């Protein structure tokens, strides 16, 4: 049991060391009150921090632009009767608003977890920077 705890603590420390330098880029975190996590103990806060970081990495790596190309052939009915139609799709969308909104929320949650961990004096929060520091 003690070995498992030590291994988990070492793995968490390694992750937090790497994540401590993580930046939010140009995305401003949404405000999430630290009181959201006031009932969590240090171990639960550590697990929540790891979970949020996994979501952040997934969202960062998510393909946010849609590229469509191809030819579509179909039949349409209109005022003049039934006629064939052909459509060509080539393009790329730079709409990243949904991804950025998700990252903003996740960054806010991560900052709230760290602030709550600092209030409870959890050791894993040492050296982790939040937005604005």
Protein backbone atom coordinates (compact mmCIF):
# COMPACT_ATOMS: atom_id res chain seq x y z
CA UNK A 1 0.00 0.00 0.00
CA UNK A 2 2.79 2.36 0.96
CA UNK A 3 4.73 1.46 -2.21
CA UNK A 4 1.68 2.13 -4.37
CA UNK A 5 1.18 5.50 -2.70
CA UNK A 6 4.87 6.38 -3.18
CA UNK A 7 4.76 5.36 -6.84
CA UNK A 8 1.61 7.41 -7.40
CA UNK A 9 3.16 10.39 -5.65
CA UNK A 10 6.32 10.16 -7.77
CA UNK A 11 4.34 9.86 -10.99
CA UNK A 12 2.16 12.81 -10.00
CA UNK A 13 5.21 14.89 -9.14
CA UNK A 14 6.70 14.19 -12.55
CA UNK A 15 3.50 15.17 -14.32
CA UNK A 16 3.13 18.32 -12.25
CA UNK A 17 6.70 19.33 -12.90
CA UNK A 18 6.08 19.15 -16.63
CA UNK A 19 2.62 20.70 -16.39
CA UNK A 20 3.88 23.50 -14.15
CA UNK A 21 5.36 25.18 -17.19
CA UNK A 22 2.21 24.79 -19.25
CA UNK A 23 0.85 27.97 -20.74
CA UNK A 24 -2.61 28.89 -21.91
CA UNK A 25 -1.41 30.58 -25.09
CA UNK A 26 -3.80 33.35 -26.05
CA UNK A 27 -6.78 31.82 -24.25
CA UNK A 28 -7.91 33.49 -21.04
CA UNK A 29 -9.26 31.10 -18.42
CA UNK A 30 -12.86 31.47 -17.30
CA UNK A 31 -13.26 32.21 -13.62
CA UNK A 32 -14.17 29.17 -11.57
CA UNK A 33 -14.37 29.79 -7.81
CA UNK A 34 -11.93 27.71 -5.74
CA UNK A 35 -14.79 27.02 -3.34
CA UNK A 36 -16.10 24.58 -5.95
CA UNK A 37 -13.40 22.20 -4.73
CA UNK A 38 -13.45 23.04 -1.01
CA UNK A 39 -14.78 19.59 -0.02
CA UNK A 40 -11.96 17.77 -1.82
CA UNK A 41 -8.95 16.48 0.11
CA UNK A 42 -5.40 16.72 -1.28
CA UNK A 43 -5.55 13.32 -2.96
CA UNK A 44 -8.86 14.12 -4.65
CA UNK A 45 -7.54 17.51 -5.76
CA UNK A 46 -4.46 15.82 -7.23
CA UNK A 47 -6.63 13.36 -9.14
CA UNK A 48 -8.88 16.17 -10.37
CA UNK A 49 -5.85 18.16 -11.53
CA UNK A 50 -4.59 15.14 -13.49
CA UNK A 51 -8.03 14.56 -15.01
CA UNK A 52 -8.35 18.18 -16.13
CA UNK A 53 -4.84 18.11 -17.63
CA UNK A 54 -5.77 15.04 -19.68
CA UNK A 55 -8.82 16.92 -21.01
CA UNK A 56 -6.66 19.97 -21.78
CA UNK A 57 -4.21 17.86 -23.78
CA UNK A 58 -7.04 16.18 -25.65
CA UNK A 59 -8.64 19.53 -26.48
CA UNK A 60 -5.33 21.06 -27.58
CA UNK A 61 -4.65 18.17 -29.94
CA UNK A 62 -8.19 18.15 -31.28
CA UNK A 63 -8.44 18.98 -34.95
CA UNK A 64 -10.44 22.17 -34.92
CA UNK A 65 -10.44 22.97 -38.59
CA UNK A 66 -12.62 21.11 -41.00
CA UNK A 67 -11.31 20.33 -44.43
CA UNK A 68 -13.76 19.05 -46.96
CA UNK A 69 -13.11 18.03 -50.48
CA UNK A 70 -14.85 15.82 -52.93
CA UNK A 71 -17.58 15.61 -55.46
CA UNK A 72 -21.22 15.01 -54.65
CA UNK A 73 -23.69 13.73 -57.17
CA UNK A 74 -27.38 13.69 -56.48
CA UNK A 75 -30.86 14.25 -57.72
CA UNK A 76 -32.99 17.20 -56.75
CA UNK A 77 -36.59 18.05 -57.33
CA UNK A 78 -37.67 21.53 -58.01
CA UNK A 79 -40.25 23.60 -59.78
CA UNK A 80 -39.05 22.34 -63.14
CA UNK A 81 -39.14 18.67 -62.20
CA UNK A 82 -36.41 16.24 -61.26
CA UNK A 83 -32.87 17.09 -62.29
CA UNK A 84 -29.38 15.84 -61.49
CA UNK A 85 -27.01 18.04 -59.51
CA UNK A 86 -23.29 17.94 -58.94
CA UNK A 87 -21.56 19.72 -56.06
CA UNK A 88 -17.87 20.28 -55.43
CA UNK A 89 -16.53 20.80 -51.94
CA UNK A 90 -13.10 22.23 -51.34
CA UNK A 91 -12.30 24.36 -48.35
CA UNK A 92 -11.10 24.74 -44.83
CA UNK A 93 -12.74 26.35 -41.84
CA UNK A 94 -10.69 28.25 -39.29
CA UNK A 95 -13.49 28.26 -36.71
CA UNK A 96 -11.76 27.45 -33.43
CA UNK A 97 -14.24 29.19 -31.13
CA UNK A 98 -15.71 26.00 -29.69
CA UNK A 99 -12.31 24.53 -28.91
CA UNK A 100 -11.11 27.81 -27.39
CA UNK A 101 -14.23 28.05 -25.21
CA UNK A 102 -13.67 24.51 -23.96
CA UNK A 103 -10.00 25.23 -23.21
CA UNK A 104 -10.94 28.46 -21.43
CA UNK A 105 -13.30 26.54 -19.13
CA UNK A 106 -10.73 23.80 -18.52
CA UNK A 107 -8.00 26.34 -17.72
CA UNK A 108 -10.35 28.01 -15.23
CA UNK A 109 -11.12 24.69 -13.56
CA UNK A 110 -7.43 23.82 -13.38
CA UNK A 111 -6.62 27.18 -11.78
CA UNK A 112 -9.44 26.70 -9.25
CA UNK A 113 -8.10 23.26 -8.31
CA UNK A 114 -4.61 24.69 -7.76
CA UNK A 115 -5.96 27.59 -5.69
CA UNK A 116 -8.00 25.22 -3.55
CA UNK A 117 -4.95 22.98 -3.12
CA UNK A 118 -2.90 25.98 -2.01
CA UNK A 119 -5.55 26.90 0.55
CA UNK A 120 -5.40 23.35 1.92
CA UNK A 121 -1.58 23.38 1.73
CA UNK A 122 -1.37 20.34 -0.56
CA UNK A 123 2.21 19.56 -1.51
CA UNK A 124 1.46 18.82 -5.17
CA UNK A 125 0.46 22.45 -5.78
CA UNK A 126 3.94 23.76 -4.95
CA UNK A 127 5.52 25.27 -8.02
CA UNK A 128 2.41 25.10 -10.21
CA UNK A 129 1.64 28.46 -11.72
CA UNK A 130 -1.85 29.70 -12.46
CA UNK A 131 -2.97 32.32 -14.94
CA UNK A 132 -1.45 35.72 -14.20
CA UNK A 133 1.52 34.49 -12.18
